[in-house]
Protein backbone atom coordinates (compact mmCIF):
# COMPACT_ATOMS: atom_id res chain seq x y z
CA MET A 1 26.22 -16.46 12.04
CA ASP A 2 24.96 -14.64 15.11
CA GLU A 3 26.57 -16.59 17.95
CA LYS A 4 24.84 -16.15 21.26
CA LYS A 5 26.36 -16.50 24.71
CA ILE A 6 25.29 -17.59 28.19
CA GLY A 7 23.18 -14.86 29.78
CA ASP A 8 21.75 -13.52 26.50
CA VAL A 9 18.00 -12.81 26.52
CA VAL A 10 16.39 -14.57 23.57
CA THR A 11 13.15 -15.85 22.11
CA GLY A 12 12.88 -19.52 21.40
CA ILE A 13 10.31 -21.79 19.79
CA TYR A 14 9.68 -25.07 21.60
CA LYS A 15 7.18 -27.43 19.98
CA THR A 16 4.34 -25.01 19.13
CA GLY A 17 4.98 -22.45 21.89
CA LYS A 18 7.21 -19.38 21.78
CA TYR A 19 9.04 -18.11 24.86
CA ILE A 20 11.39 -15.40 26.10
CA GLY A 21 14.25 -16.74 28.14
CA VAL A 22 17.90 -16.60 29.11
CA ILE A 23 20.57 -18.86 27.64
CA THR A 24 22.07 -20.94 30.47
CA ASN A 25 24.15 -23.40 28.43
CA ILE A 26 25.37 -23.87 24.88
CA LYS A 27 25.38 -27.29 23.23
CA PRO A 28 26.44 -28.27 19.69
CA MET A 29 22.90 -28.14 18.23
CA HIS A 30 20.87 -26.43 20.99
CA TYR A 31 20.80 -23.60 23.48
CA LEU A 32 19.55 -24.44 26.97
CA VAL A 33 17.03 -21.66 27.62
CA GLN A 34 15.50 -20.79 31.00
CA VAL A 35 11.93 -19.53 30.45
CA LYS A 36 11.08 -16.04 31.69
CA ALA A 37 7.89 -15.27 29.71
CA VAL A 38 5.43 -16.75 27.19
CA LEU A 39 4.93 -15.13 23.77
CA LYS A 40 2.75 -17.82 22.17
CA HIS A 41 0.92 -20.57 24.03
CA PRO A 42 1.42 -24.11 22.67
CA GLN A 43 -1.28 -25.41 20.34
CA GLN A 44 -3.61 -28.06 21.78
CA GLY A 45 -4.00 -31.55 20.38
CA ASP A 46 -1.62 -33.96 18.71
CA LEU A 47 1.62 -32.39 17.43
CA HIS A 48 1.90 -35.05 14.71
CA ASN A 49 -1.65 -34.42 13.47
CA PRO A 50 -2.09 -30.65 13.87
CA LYS A 51 -5.62 -29.31 13.95
CA GLN A 52 -7.10 -32.82 13.84
CA VAL A 53 -9.72 -34.06 16.33
CA ASP A 54 -9.86 -37.72 15.30
CA VAL A 55 -6.56 -38.67 16.92
CA GLN A 56 -5.71 -41.37 19.42
CA PHE A 57 -5.12 -38.83 22.19
CA PHE A 58 -5.99 -35.12 22.09
CA HIS A 59 -3.26 -33.59 24.24
CA GLU A 60 -3.69 -30.78 26.69
CA ARG A 61 -0.48 -28.82 26.13
CA ARG A 62 0.78 -26.65 28.94
CA ALA A 63 3.11 -23.71 28.50
CA LEU A 64 6.60 -24.18 29.91
CA ALA A 65 6.78 -22.93 33.51
CA TYR A 66 8.66 -19.90 34.83
CA ASN A 67 12.39 -20.76 35.11
CA GLU A 68 11.83 -24.15 33.44
CA GLN A 69 14.76 -24.99 31.20
CA THR A 70 14.47 -26.51 27.76
CA ASN A 71 16.73 -27.29 24.83
CA VAL A 72 15.88 -25.14 21.83
CA PRO A 73 17.44 -25.83 18.41
CA LYS A 74 19.90 -23.04 17.62
CA GLN A 75 18.02 -21.98 14.47
CA MET A 76 14.87 -21.39 16.59
CA VAL A 77 16.61 -18.89 18.91
CA LYS A 78 16.67 -15.14 18.23
CA ARG A 79 17.90 -12.21 20.32
CA PHE A 80 15.25 -10.36 22.33
CA GLU A 81 15.88 -6.64 22.78
CA ASP A 82 12.70 -5.43 24.51
CA GLU A 83 11.78 -5.47 28.18
CA VAL A 84 10.89 -8.96 29.41
CA PRO A 85 7.26 -9.05 30.59
CA GLU A 86 6.29 -10.62 33.90
CA TYR A 87 5.67 -14.36 33.44
CA GLN A 88 2.04 -14.59 34.69
CA GLN A 89 0.99 -11.53 32.66
CA SER A 90 2.68 -12.92 29.55
CA LEU A 91 0.97 -16.29 30.07
CA ARG A 92 -2.44 -14.62 30.49
CA LYS A 93 -1.92 -12.57 27.31
CA ALA A 94 -0.73 -15.59 25.26
CA LEU A 95 -3.67 -17.68 26.48
CA ASP A 96 -6.17 -14.89 25.70
CA VAL A 97 -4.78 -14.49 22.16
CA MET A 98 -4.97 -18.23 21.53
CA LYS A 99 -8.50 -18.47 22.95
CA LYS A 100 -9.70 -15.59 20.75
CA GLU A 101 -8.18 -17.24 17.64
CA LEU A 102 -9.82 -20.56 18.54
CA GLU A 103 -13.22 -18.91 19.09
CA GLU A 104 -12.98 -17.35 15.59
CA ASN A 105 -12.07 -20.75 14.08
CA ASN A 106 -15.35 -22.64 14.13
CA THR A 107 -13.94 -26.17 13.68
CA GLU A 108 -14.22 -29.31 15.81
CA TRP A 109 -10.49 -29.02 16.56
CA ALA A 110 -10.94 -25.43 17.80
CA LYS A 111 -13.90 -26.43 20.01
CA GLU A 112 -11.91 -29.31 21.53
CA SER A 113 -8.94 -26.99 22.02
CA ILE A 114 -11.08 -24.43 23.85
CA LYS A 115 -12.15 -27.15 26.32
CA ARG A 116 -8.47 -27.89 27.03
CA VAL A 117 -7.62 -24.20 27.33
CA GLU A 118 -10.39 -23.67 29.88
CA VAL A 119 -8.95 -26.49 32.02
CA LEU A 120 -5.47 -24.98 31.74
CA GLU A 121 -6.82 -21.54 32.65
CA LYS A 122 -8.15 -22.90 35.96
CA GLU A 123 -4.77 -24.50 36.69
CA TYR A 124 -2.73 -21.43 35.69
CA PHE A 125 -4.92 -18.85 37.43
CA PRO A 126 -6.71 -20.44 40.40
CA HIS A 127 -8.89 -17.76 42.03
């Protein structure tokens, strides 16, 4: 098993997002990871009913913030060897990729997700 230590730069999957971060604590089942960049923006909607529109509440899912810490199950953490991108640039790229995928997916869920993404975009990048 590839044991990791405090200070290691890793990728971690949290809910439906994927992040680059630094391990700040080690727990029996989790690593506490401090977010430094976003690799994949979280999917919009209800986690328990993925890609469904007819749910009780269609969630707007934000990416974890820069330096936010989260517990990531150990099996969802992998070493990261490359250069860590700047947080805002990584967030922009992850959001653009998700938006493009949603635009190509002509479903009601994708259309609803795009609405949420556009709201998030205004919050993330107020100009």
